[in-house]
Amino acid sequence: MLLGFFPGATITTLGLPSAQSYFYVSILGAVLFGIGIALFIQVKSSGQGLGLSGAIAINMCGGLCLAGWLLFGTVSATSLGKIIMWGLVAVLVGISTIELVSIRRPTT
């Protein structure tokens, strides 16, 4: 929400990379790709809405793209910014992994 209303101040305060790079564009692309996967899953399933599988796809794509940037890209962020971004990776991939395990586990 803060990035939507105060992008410059929020980016500076959190020590995140500036918008001159392709960082945000690629993260958005990964999330859009995840939404595409989620929609494909929804079309192939009999449920209504995107559901848990869709959320897993979206979060996993965004989290893994962010991890890729942090590992292999040239992210010009402060130490605080990198800590925040690694925290986001942990949350996104961690929650997605837990959700994936929970839907794979048979209920008794």
Foldseek 3Di string as FASTA:
>chain_A
DCCVPPVVVVCVVQQFADPPDCLVVVLVVLLVVLQVVLVVVCVPDPDPDSPLSSLLSNLQSNLVSLVCCLVPNDTRGDPSNSVVSVVSSCVSNVVSVVSVVVVVDDDD
